[in-house]
N, C-alpha and C. Protein backbone atom coordinates (compact mmCIF):
# COMPACT_ATOMS: atom_id res chain seq x y z
N UNK A 1 13.87 112.49 69.79
CA UNK A 1 15.15 112.19 70.07
C UNK A 1 15.45 111.31 71.34
N UNK A 2 15.94 110.15 70.96
CA UNK A 2 16.24 109.23 71.81
C UNK A 2 17.49 109.48 73.20
N UNK A 3 16.90 109.64 74.21
CA UNK A 3 17.50 110.25 75.24
C UNK A 3 19.17 109.43 75.38
N UNK A 4 20.08 110.03 75.94
CA UNK A 4 21.49 109.60 75.85
C UNK A 4 21.74 109.24 77.83
N UNK A 5 21.59 108.26 78.12
CA UNK A 5 22.42 108.21 79.20
C UNK A 5 23.39 108.02 79.64
N UNK A 6 24.64 107.95 80.39
CA UNK A 6 25.84 107.60 80.39
C UNK A 6 25.79 106.37 80.39
N UNK A 7 25.31 105.52 81.10
CA UNK A 7 25.03 103.86 80.90
C UNK A 7 25.49 103.82 79.59
N UNK A 8 24.31 104.10 78.79
CA UNK A 8 24.46 103.68 77.20
C UNK A 8 25.40 104.19 76.19
N UNK A 9 25.56 105.50 76.58
CA UNK A 9 26.93 106.00 76.24
C UNK A 9 28.25 105.14 76.45
N UNK A 10 28.44 104.79 78.14
CA UNK A 10 29.82 103.89 78.07
C UNK A 10 29.45 102.89 77.50
N UNK A 11 28.18 102.06 77.03
CA UNK A 11 28.70 100.43 76.23
C UNK A 11 29.09 100.83 74.97
N UNK A 12 28.30 102.03 74.62
CA UNK A 12 28.72 102.31 73.23
C UNK A 12 30.13 102.89 72.68
N UNK A 13 30.99 103.15 74.02
CA UNK A 13 31.99 104.28 73.50
C UNK A 13 32.85 103.62 74.28
N UNK A 14 32.85 102.08 74.62
CA UNK A 14 33.56 101.52 75.57
C UNK A 14 34.90 101.33 74.94
N UNK A 15 34.77 100.78 73.78
CA UNK A 15 36.10 100.52 73.00
C UNK A 15 37.05 101.82 72.89
N UNK A 16 36.22 102.88 72.40
CA UNK A 16 36.98 104.26 72.80
C UNK A 16 37.71 104.74 73.77
N UNK A 17 36.86 104.41 74.77
CA UNK A 17 37.69 104.98 76.12
C UNK A 17 38.62 104.22 76.33
N UNK A 18 38.37 102.71 76.26
CA UNK A 18 39.54 101.51 76.47
C UNK A 18 41.14 101.98 75.52
N UNK A 19 40.85 102.60 74.03
CA UNK A 19 42.03 103.22 73.57
C UNK A 19 42.34 104.29 74.01
N UNK A 20 41.66 105.34 74.41
CA UNK A 20 42.42 106.49 74.77
C UNK A 20 42.71 106.25 76.29
N UNK A 21 42.40 105.08 77.13
CA UNK A 21 43.15 104.86 78.56
C UNK A 21 44.24 104.36 78.29
N UNK A 22 44.18 103.45 77.07
CA UNK A 22 45.69 102.58 76.73
C UNK A 22 46.49 103.64 76.21
N UNK A 23 46.35 104.58 75.75
CA UNK A 23 46.82 105.60 74.88
C UNK A 23 47.68 106.50 75.93
N UNK A 24 46.88 106.78 77.12
CA UNK A 24 47.20 107.35 78.20
C UNK A 24 48.53 107.52 78.95
N UNK A 25 48.63 105.90 78.76
CA UNK A 25 49.73 105.14 79.24
C UNK A 25 51.02 105.69 78.64
N UNK A 26 50.90 106.06 77.59
CA UNK A 26 52.20 106.61 76.79
C UNK A 26 52.97 108.18 77.06
N UNK A 27 52.01 108.43 77.67
CA UNK A 27 52.32 109.56 78.27
C UNK A 27 52.86 110.08 79.50
N UNK A 28 54.00 110.80 79.66
CA UNK A 28 54.55 110.75 81.28
C UNK A 28 53.96 111.58 81.43
N UNK A 29 54.29 111.57 83.05
CA UNK A 29 53.52 112.52 83.73
C UNK A 29 53.77 114.02 83.38
N UNK A 30 54.96 114.55 83.00
CA UNK A 30 55.71 115.78 82.53
C UNK A 30 55.14 116.19 81.48
N UNK A 31 54.97 115.17 81.03
CA UNK A 31 54.18 115.91 79.71
C UNK A 31 52.81 115.98 79.71
N UNK A 32 51.83 115.22 80.49
CA UNK A 32 50.55 115.57 80.94
C UNK A 32 50.41 116.35 81.83
N UNK A 33 51.30 116.72 82.85
CA UNK A 33 51.15 118.06 83.42
C UNK A 33 51.38 119.52 82.54
N UNK A 34 52.05 119.35 81.61
CA UNK A 34 52.55 120.55 81.00
C UNK A 34 51.52 120.79 79.55
N UNK A 35 50.67 120.23 79.43
CA UNK A 35 49.62 120.03 78.57
C UNK A 35 48.85 121.20 78.68
N UNK A 36 48.12 121.70 77.63
CA UNK A 36 47.49 123.46 78.07
C UNK A 36 46.02 122.73 78.58
N UNK A 37 45.66 123.43 79.36
CA UNK A 37 44.08 123.44 79.93
C UNK A 37 43.39 123.39 78.85
N UNK A 38 42.45 122.28 78.68
CA UNK A 38 41.10 122.18 77.86
C UNK A 38 40.09 122.12 78.29
N UNK A 39 38.65 122.46 77.82
CA UNK A 39 37.77 122.24 78.49
C UNK A 39 36.89 121.96 77.35
N UNK A 40 35.28 121.40 77.90
CA UNK A 40 34.04 120.97 76.86
C UNK A 40 33.65 122.44 77.15
N UNK A 41 33.51 122.96 75.76
CA UNK A 41 32.50 124.32 75.60
C UNK A 41 31.59 124.12 74.17
N UNK A 42 30.03 124.63 74.34
CA UNK A 42 29.30 124.75 73.74
C UNK A 42 28.40 126.24 73.61
N UNK A 43 28.05 126.50 72.72
CA UNK A 43 26.96 127.67 72.94
C UNK A 43 25.64 127.02 72.06
N UNK A 44 24.75 127.97 72.76
CA UNK A 44 23.75 128.05 72.24
C UNK A 44 22.75 129.28 72.34
N UNK A 45 21.62 129.44 71.31
CA UNK A 45 20.67 131.01 71.75
C UNK A 45 19.46 130.50 71.58
N UNK A 46 18.91 130.87 72.68
CA UNK A 46 17.71 130.75 73.14
C UNK A 46 16.70 132.06 72.68
N UNK A 47 15.17 132.02 72.72
CA UNK A 47 14.45 132.69 72.39
C UNK A 47 14.03 133.76 73.21
N UNK A 48 14.53 133.61 74.16
CA UNK A 48 14.17 134.37 75.56
C UNK A 48 15.04 135.30 76.41
N UNK A 49 14.65 136.02 77.35
CA UNK A 49 15.49 136.95 77.26
C UNK A 49 16.65 136.41 78.62
N UNK A 50 17.08 137.05 79.02
CA UNK A 50 18.81 136.42 79.81
C UNK A 50 18.13 136.45 81.01
N UNK A 51 17.01 136.81 81.77
CA UNK A 51 16.52 136.50 83.16
C UNK A 51 15.46 135.39 82.73
N UNK A 52 14.94 135.45 81.83
CA UNK A 52 14.15 134.07 81.92
C UNK A 52 14.94 132.52 81.75
N UNK A 53 16.16 132.92 80.62
CA UNK A 53 16.84 132.09 80.41
C UNK A 53 18.08 131.81 81.89
N UNK A 54 18.27 132.59 82.56
CA UNK A 54 18.83 132.37 83.75
C UNK A 54 18.13 131.81 84.28
N UNK A 55 17.15 131.75 84.89
CA UNK A 55 15.91 130.96 85.63
C UNK A 55 15.93 129.31 85.31
N UNK A 56 15.93 129.46 84.25
CA UNK A 56 15.55 128.00 83.43
C UNK A 56 16.60 127.24 83.65
N UNK A 57 18.14 127.60 83.49
CA UNK A 57 19.13 126.98 83.61
C UNK A 57 19.31 126.75 85.28
N UNK A 58 19.13 127.52 85.94
CA UNK A 58 19.28 127.71 87.41
C UNK A 58 18.05 126.08 87.99
N UNK A 59 17.45 125.72 87.08
CA UNK A 59 16.30 124.69 87.80
C UNK A 59 16.99 123.62 87.11
N UNK A 60 17.88 122.82 87.48
CA UNK A 60 18.55 121.96 87.03
C UNK A 60 17.58 120.47 87.18
N UNK A 61 16.83 120.47 87.44
CA UNK A 61 15.83 118.97 87.21
C UNK A 61 15.12 119.19 86.58
N UNK A 62 14.65 120.50 85.92
CA UNK A 62 13.87 120.51 84.27
C UNK A 62 14.58 120.42 83.48
N UNK A 63 15.94 120.25 83.36
CA UNK A 63 16.53 119.85 81.94
C UNK A 63 17.76 119.13 82.35
N UNK A 64 18.34 118.78 83.16
CA UNK A 64 19.42 117.67 83.59
C UNK A 64 19.08 116.28 84.06
N UNK A 65 18.13 116.63 85.42
CA UNK A 65 18.34 115.34 86.03
C UNK A 65 16.88 115.66 86.97
N UNK A 66 15.95 114.36 87.31
CA UNK A 66 15.14 114.68 88.15
C UNK A 66 15.32 114.13 89.29
N UNK A 67 16.54 113.65 89.55
CA UNK A 67 17.27 112.97 90.56
C UNK A 67 18.16 113.81 91.52
N UNK A 68 17.80 114.88 91.82
CA UNK A 68 18.59 116.12 92.40
C UNK A 68 18.09 116.62 93.78
N UNK A 69 18.95 116.21 95.00
CA UNK A 69 18.85 116.66 95.99
C UNK A 69 19.09 117.69 96.42
N UNK A 70 18.74 119.27 97.22
CA UNK A 70 18.70 120.04 97.57
C UNK A 70 18.66 121.37 96.35
N UNK A 71 18.84 122.34 96.91
CA UNK A 71 18.91 123.65 96.06
C UNK A 71 19.84 123.77 95.00
N UNK A 72 19.80 124.32 93.63
CA UNK A 72 20.45 124.25 92.57
C UNK A 72 20.51 125.89 92.37
N UNK A 73 19.89 126.76 93.06
CA UNK A 73 19.62 128.27 92.77
C UNK A 73 19.84 129.26 93.61
N UNK A 74 20.59 128.44 94.50
CA UNK A 74 20.93 129.38 96.07
C UNK A 74 22.73 129.32 96.27
N UNK A 75 23.27 130.38 95.74
CA UNK A 75 24.73 130.49 96.30
C UNK A 75 25.03 129.99 97.28
N UNK A 76 26.32 129.11 97.38
CA UNK A 76 26.53 128.55 98.81
C UNK A 76 25.88 127.31 99.10
N UNK A 77 24.69 126.93 98.36
CA UNK A 77 24.07 125.54 98.65
C UNK A 77 24.60 124.64 97.63
N UNK A 78 25.06 123.43 98.21
CA UNK A 78 25.18 122.25 97.79
C UNK A 78 24.54 121.06 97.11
N UNK A 79 24.27 120.64 95.87
CA UNK A 79 23.39 119.82 96.09
C UNK A 79 23.99 118.08 95.68
N UNK A 80 22.99 117.25 95.44
CA UNK A 80 23.59 115.90 95.46
C UNK A 80 22.84 115.22 94.33
N UNK A 81 23.45 114.99 92.99
CA UNK A 81 22.92 114.69 91.90
C UNK A 81 23.61 112.85 91.38
N UNK A 82 22.78 111.89 91.21
CA UNK A 82 22.82 110.70 90.71
C UNK A 82 22.31 110.16 89.70
N UNK A 83 22.84 109.36 88.84
CA UNK A 83 22.18 108.77 88.16
C UNK A 83 22.60 107.17 88.45
N UNK A 84 21.37 106.47 88.76
CA UNK A 84 21.57 105.04 89.51
C UNK A 84 22.61 105.09 90.30
N UNK A 85 23.81 104.04 89.66
CA UNK A 85 25.21 103.86 90.42
C UNK A 85 26.40 104.61 89.73
N UNK A 86 26.47 104.94 88.45
CA UNK A 86 27.03 105.17 87.72
C UNK A 86 27.72 106.24 87.51
N UNK A 87 26.80 107.51 88.10
CA UNK A 87 27.58 108.76 88.08
C UNK A 87 26.79 109.48 89.54
N UNK A 88 27.79 109.39 90.42
CA UNK A 88 27.35 110.33 91.80
C UNK A 88 28.34 111.74 91.78
N UNK A 89 27.55 112.74 92.21
CA UNK A 89 28.51 113.61 92.29
C UNK A 89 27.87 115.11 93.29
N UNK A 90 28.45 115.62 93.95
CA UNK A 90 27.99 116.95 94.85
C UNK A 90 28.44 117.92 94.12
N UNK A 91 27.55 118.91 94.08
CA UNK A 91 27.73 120.10 93.31
C UNK A 91 27.19 121.37 93.78
N UNK A 92 28.26 122.52 93.90
CA UNK A 92 27.85 123.49 94.96
C UNK A 92 27.92 124.85 93.47
N UNK A 93 26.37 125.59 94.16
CA UNK A 93 26.62 127.20 93.08
C UNK A 93 27.46 128.24 93.85
N UNK A 94 28.84 128.70 93.34
CA UNK A 94 29.24 129.00 93.70
C UNK A 94 29.22 130.48 93.07
N UNK A 95 28.94 130.91 92.01
CA UNK A 95 28.23 132.15 91.37
C UNK A 95 27.14 132.34 90.74
N UNK A 96 26.46 133.83 91.27
CA UNK A 96 25.37 133.63 90.19
C UNK A 96 25.02 135.17 89.78
N UNK A 97 24.97 135.72 88.90
CA UNK A 97 24.63 136.96 88.73
C UNK A 97 23.45 137.02 87.64
N UNK A 98 22.54 137.56 88.14
CA UNK A 98 20.95 137.29 87.46
C UNK A 98 20.90 137.94 85.64
N UNK A 99 21.14 136.89 84.62
CA UNK A 99 20.66 137.32 83.90
C UNK A 99 22.13 137.15 83.39
N UNK A 100 23.11 136.88 83.95
CA UNK A 100 24.20 136.87 83.34
C UNK A 100 25.28 135.87 83.49
N UNK A 101 25.42 135.33 84.37
CA UNK A 101 26.34 133.72 84.69
C UNK A 101 26.04 133.32 86.08
N UNK A 102 26.27 131.75 86.03
CA UNK A 102 26.00 131.05 86.71
C UNK A 102 27.22 129.99 86.68
N UNK A 103 28.03 129.99 87.74
CA UNK A 103 29.12 128.84 88.18
C UNK A 103 28.70 127.97 89.06
N UNK A 104 29.19 126.66 88.91
CA UNK A 104 28.94 125.53 90.00
C UNK A 104 30.00 124.45 89.86
N UNK A 105 30.45 124.31 91.40
CA UNK A 105 31.69 123.52 91.49
C UNK A 105 31.46 122.22 91.95
N UNK A 106 32.33 121.12 91.33
CA UNK A 106 31.74 119.80 91.68
C UNK A 106 32.91 119.50 92.68
N UNK A 107 32.38 119.57 93.62
CA UNK A 107 33.04 119.30 94.84
C UNK A 107 33.56 117.42 95.29
N UNK A 108 32.55 116.74 95.11
CA UNK A 108 32.95 115.49 95.37
C UNK A 108 32.04 114.25 93.94
N UNK A 109 32.74 113.81 93.48
CA UNK A 109 32.52 112.75 92.11
C UNK A 109 32.69 111.34 92.34
N UNK A 110 31.81 110.67 91.81
CA UNK A 110 32.16 109.16 91.67
C UNK A 110 31.77 108.69 90.27
N UNK A 111 32.46 107.96 89.65
CA UNK A 111 32.27 107.42 88.40
C UNK A 111 32.28 105.85 88.61
N UNK A 112 31.19 105.00 88.16
CA UNK A 112 31.33 103.83 88.33
C UNK A 112 32.33 103.01 86.77
N UNK A 113 32.57 104.00 86.02
CA UNK A 113 32.97 103.45 84.46
C UNK A 113 34.50 103.87 83.84
N UNK A 114 35.03 104.51 85.05
CA UNK A 114 36.58 105.25 84.86
C UNK A 114 37.37 104.68 85.83
N UNK A 115 38.61 104.64 85.64
CA UNK A 115 39.79 104.23 85.92
C UNK A 115 39.87 104.83 87.85
N UNK A 116 39.91 106.51 87.25
CA UNK A 116 39.55 107.24 88.17
C UNK A 116 38.27 107.74 88.26
N UNK A 117 37.44 107.31 89.30
CA UNK A 117 35.92 107.57 89.91
C UNK A 117 36.12 109.50 89.89
N UNK A 118 37.24 109.94 90.24
CA UNK A 118 36.77 111.32 90.78
C UNK A 118 37.04 112.22 89.47
N UNK A 119 37.36 111.75 88.44
CA UNK A 119 37.51 112.62 87.41
C UNK A 119 36.79 113.73 87.34
N UNK A 120 35.71 114.43 87.51
CA UNK A 120 34.99 115.26 87.53
C UNK A 120 35.42 116.20 88.71
N UNK A 121 36.23 116.03 89.82
CA UNK A 121 36.05 116.25 90.92
C UNK A 121 37.01 117.73 90.94
N UNK A 122 36.51 118.74 91.43
CA UNK A 122 37.36 120.33 91.24
C UNK A 122 36.94 120.86 89.88
N UNK A 123 36.30 120.40 89.10
CA UNK A 123 35.91 120.77 87.60
C UNK A 123 34.31 122.13 88.14
N UNK A 124 34.06 122.83 86.99
CA UNK A 124 33.25 123.92 87.11
C UNK A 124 32.50 123.98 85.88
N UNK A 125 31.02 123.81 86.15
CA UNK A 125 30.30 124.17 85.16
C UNK A 125 29.55 125.52 85.09
N UNK A 126 30.10 125.99 83.88
CA UNK A 126 30.30 127.64 83.68
C UNK A 126 28.87 128.17 82.58
N UNK A 127 28.03 128.50 82.96
CA UNK A 127 26.91 129.22 81.90
C UNK A 127 27.10 130.50 82.01
N UNK A 128 27.37 131.25 80.93
CA UNK A 128 27.55 133.24 80.65
C UNK A 128 26.73 132.94 79.63
N UNK A 129 25.60 133.97 79.77
CA UNK A 129 24.80 134.72 78.84
C UNK A 129 25.17 136.04 78.73
N UNK A 130 24.70 136.04 77.24
CA UNK A 130 25.05 137.54 76.61
C UNK A 130 23.64 138.14 75.92
N UNK A 131 23.04 139.04 76.05
CA UNK A 131 21.72 139.37 75.50
C UNK A 131 21.81 140.06 74.08
N UNK A 132 21.28 139.05 73.00
CA UNK A 132 21.35 139.60 71.68
C UNK A 132 19.87 140.09 70.91
N UNK A 133 19.70 141.04 71.29
CA UNK A 133 18.10 141.92 71.04
C UNK A 133 17.21 141.06 71.94
N UNK A 134 16.47 140.49 71.05
CA UNK A 134 15.31 139.57 71.80
C UNK A 134 15.70 137.89 72.51
N UNK A 135 17.00 137.61 71.82
CA UNK A 135 17.45 136.60 72.24
C UNK A 135 18.41 136.37 73.12
N UNK A 136 19.08 135.10 73.60
CA UNK A 136 20.02 134.96 74.52
C UNK A 136 21.27 134.10 74.14
N UNK A 137 22.45 134.60 74.02
CA UNK A 137 23.34 133.47 74.05
C UNK A 137 23.72 132.45 75.11
N UNK A 138 23.79 131.26 75.38
CA UNK A 138 24.52 130.92 76.24
C UNK A 138 25.84 130.14 75.84
N UNK A 139 26.66 130.41 76.69
CA UNK A 139 27.65 129.82 76.62
C UNK A 139 27.85 128.62 77.75
N UNK A 140 28.26 127.65 77.32
CA UNK A 140 28.09 126.60 78.85
C UNK A 140 29.38 125.65 78.25
N UNK A 141 30.32 126.09 79.52
CA UNK A 141 31.92 125.41 79.40
C UNK A 141 31.87 124.33 80.84
N UNK A 142 32.43 123.56 80.67
CA UNK A 142 32.80 122.49 81.65
C UNK A 142 34.20 122.52 81.61
N UNK A 143 34.30 123.60 82.73
CA UNK A 143 35.67 123.88 83.05
C UNK A 143 36.59 122.44 83.52
N UNK A 144 37.83 122.14 82.80
CA UNK A 144 38.66 121.27 83.65
C UNK A 144 38.30 119.83 83.18
N UNK A 145 37.13 119.66 82.14
CA UNK A 145 36.69 117.99 81.72
C UNK A 145 37.66 118.33 80.20
N UNK A 146 38.64 117.70 80.26
CA UNK A 146 39.65 117.94 79.01
C UNK A 146 39.31 116.77 78.28
N UNK A 147 40.19 116.68 77.11
CA UNK A 147 40.00 115.51 76.32
C UNK A 147 40.93 114.18 76.62
N UNK A 148 41.92 114.45 77.24
CA UNK A 148 42.53 113.22 77.59
C UNK A 148 42.00 112.26 78.86
N UNK A 149 41.04 113.20 79.66
CA UNK A 149 40.14 112.29 80.60
C UNK A 149 39.46 111.41 80.17
N UNK A 150 39.40 109.97 80.74
CA UNK A 150 38.40 108.62 80.15
C UNK A 150 37.01 108.97 79.60
N UNK A 151 36.58 109.85 80.90
CA UNK A 151 35.00 110.10 80.68
C UNK A 151 34.57 110.86 79.27
N UNK A 152 35.72 111.46 78.86
CA UNK A 152 35.71 112.68 78.06
C UNK A 152 34.52 112.47 77.12
N UNK A 153 34.61 111.08 76.13
CA UNK A 153 33.82 111.35 74.89
C UNK A 153 32.32 110.74 75.31
N UNK A 154 32.23 110.31 76.39
CA UNK A 154 30.86 109.78 76.74
C UNK A 154 30.11 111.17 77.45
N UNK A 155 31.10 111.86 78.53
CA UNK A 155 30.42 113.10 78.85
C UNK A 155 30.06 114.28 77.67
N UNK A 156 31.24 114.48 76.96
CA UNK A 156 30.94 115.44 75.40
C UNK A 156 29.56 115.10 75.10
N UNK A 157 29.39 114.15 74.86
CA UNK A 157 27.66 113.52 73.97
C UNK A 157 26.80 113.81 75.01
N UNK A 158 27.01 113.18 76.44
CA UNK A 158 25.72 113.48 77.31
C UNK A 158 25.42 115.64 76.89
N UNK A 159 26.88 115.95 77.53
CA UNK A 159 26.52 117.26 77.24
C UNK A 159 26.00 117.86 75.87
N UNK A 160 26.17 117.70 75.02
CA UNK A 160 25.58 117.79 73.39
C UNK A 160 24.14 117.51 74.03
N UNK A 161 23.56 116.38 74.22
CA UNK A 161 22.79 116.17 74.50
C UNK A 161 21.74 117.06 75.06
N UNK A 162 22.23 117.00 76.48
CA UNK A 162 21.50 117.97 77.57
C UNK A 162 21.33 119.76 77.47
N UNK A 163 22.46 120.12 76.38
CA UNK A 163 22.52 121.44 76.45
C UNK A 163 21.40 121.93 75.26
N UNK A 164 22.16 121.29 73.87
CA UNK A 164 21.28 121.25 73.02
C UNK A 164 19.88 121.21 72.83
N UNK A 165 19.61 120.07 73.50
CA UNK A 165 18.00 119.33 73.28
C UNK A 165 17.59 119.77 74.37
N UNK A 166 17.79 119.33 75.62
CA UNK A 166 16.77 119.24 76.62
C UNK A 166 16.69 120.96 77.57
N UNK A 167 18.16 121.39 77.57
CA UNK A 167 18.03 122.60 77.97
C UNK A 167 17.36 123.76 77.21
N UNK A 168 17.64 123.53 76.11
CA UNK A 168 17.19 124.41 74.99
C UNK A 168 15.49 124.28 74.96
N UNK A 169 15.02 123.32 74.76
CA UNK A 169 13.81 122.72 74.78
C UNK A 169 12.76 123.42 75.96
N UNK A 170 13.56 123.04 77.31
CA UNK A 170 12.86 123.99 78.31
C UNK A 170 12.88 125.09 78.72
N UNK A 171 13.99 125.89 77.94
CA UNK A 171 14.22 127.50 77.99
C UNK A 171 12.72 127.74 77.12
N UNK A 172 12.73 127.30 76.02
CA UNK A 172 11.31 127.37 74.96
C UNK A 172 9.81 127.32 75.60
N UNK A 173 9.89 125.88 75.82
CA UNK A 173 8.33 125.21 76.36
C UNK A 173 8.32 125.21 77.66
N UNK A 174 9.05 125.01 78.34
CA UNK A 174 9.02 124.79 80.23
C UNK A 174 8.85 123.11 80.72
N UNK A 175 9.41 122.28 79.52
CA UNK A 175 9.22 121.16 79.50
C UNK A 175 10.59 120.62 78.89
N UNK A 176 11.87 119.95 79.54
CA UNK A 176 12.78 119.54 79.07
C UNK A 176 12.78 117.99 78.94
N UNK A 177 14.11 117.52 79.20
CA UNK A 177 13.98 116.12 78.51
C UNK A 177 15.03 115.10 79.61
N UNK A 178 14.86 116.05 81.13
CA UNK A 178 16.20 115.42 81.90
C UNK A 178 15.95 113.72 82.35
N UNK A 179 17.08 113.47 82.78
CA UNK A 179 16.96 111.88 83.61
C UNK A 179 15.60 111.77 84.47
N UNK A 180 14.98 111.24 84.33
CA UNK A 180 14.19 110.65 85.03
C UNK A 180 14.44 110.38 86.82
N UNK A 181 13.58 110.16 87.93
CA UNK A 181 13.90 109.47 88.94
C UNK A 181 14.36 108.08 88.95
N UNK A 182 15.95 107.60 89.62
CA UNK A 182 15.98 106.18 89.42
C UNK A 182 14.35 105.24 89.86
N UNK A 183 14.83 104.13 88.88
CA UNK A 183 14.02 102.95 88.88
C UNK A 183 15.14 102.05 88.86
N UNK A 184 14.87 100.65 87.95
CA UNK A 184 15.27 99.48 87.65
C UNK A 184 16.98 99.66 87.53
N UNK A 185 17.59 98.88 88.57
CA UNK A 185 19.39 98.58 88.41
C UNK A 185 19.69 100.13 89.59
N UNK A 186 18.66 100.43 90.15
CA UNK A 186 19.17 101.56 91.21
C UNK A 186 19.81 100.80 92.61
N UNK A 187 20.75 101.18 93.26
CA UNK A 187 21.19 100.52 94.59
C UNK A 187 20.92 101.74 95.46
N UNK A 188 19.73 101.86 96.13
CA UNK A 188 19.76 102.83 97.06
C UNK A 188 20.49 102.55 97.89
N UNK A 189 21.26 101.50 98.63
CA UNK A 189 21.87 101.60 99.67
C UNK A 189 23.29 101.91 99.57
N UNK A 190 23.74 101.64 98.22
CA UNK A 190 25.19 102.09 97.71
C UNK A 190 24.97 104.18 98.05
N UNK A 191 23.85 104.11 96.88
CA UNK A 191 23.66 105.72 97.29
C UNK A 191 23.68 106.40 98.09
N UNK A 192 22.57 106.00 99.25
CA UNK A 192 22.98 106.49 100.50
C UNK A 192 23.87 106.81 101.50
N UNK A 193 24.93 105.75 101.12
CA UNK A 193 25.91 105.47 101.85
C UNK A 193 26.97 106.48 101.17
N UNK A 194 27.28 106.59 100.15
CA UNK A 194 28.02 107.48 99.30
C UNK A 194 27.47 109.15 99.55
N UNK A 195 26.28 109.28 99.81
CA UNK A 195 25.74 110.55 99.78
C UNK A 195 25.86 110.98 101.21
N UNK A 196 25.85 109.91 102.33
CA UNK A 196 26.19 110.23 103.70
C UNK A 196 27.57 110.27 103.91
N UNK A 197 28.72 109.62 103.74
CA UNK A 197 29.75 109.59 104.10
C UNK A 197 30.94 110.23 103.05
N UNK A 198 30.44 110.92 101.92
CA UNK A 198 31.26 111.67 101.26
C UNK A 198 31.10 113.42 101.56
């Protein structure tokens, strides 16, 4: 399975993103505010018990990105994630019920490819686990990631890859397909400044 990075997705879907951005100009602010809240959501089933599944999800370095600074499994802790200079964000674990639920809140965000770089700010990553015999159903919802957002198509395809491929493989085998640590194209100075100043 070819790894899907946001930078590649943005290039592939740039025309779609541009069309969506233009269409949004035709929506007046009142209509936009009154639109029903939408979220990205998907469900997978793992051949593991809820506790093992919960522990795997909480280790975001194992399936999402190796480029994470901070704890991802301690309530109240904030960690820093970034993919090169394309996506930088700070995320806080605000709820954890072992074997049942994990909720992360995006406290700050920066996209380099959208008109509004803070589109993820204030959104939540919610993992809800349900025991099904010897299996576990996982419902992942990115609350606040709505279809009208400029980044939606890019993020939807990226999440599909991470959840259905990398996370599920990580739960089953202990080896996922996360983004590697930064290499070529990485602006360390910018990332360090953003991390410290925001």
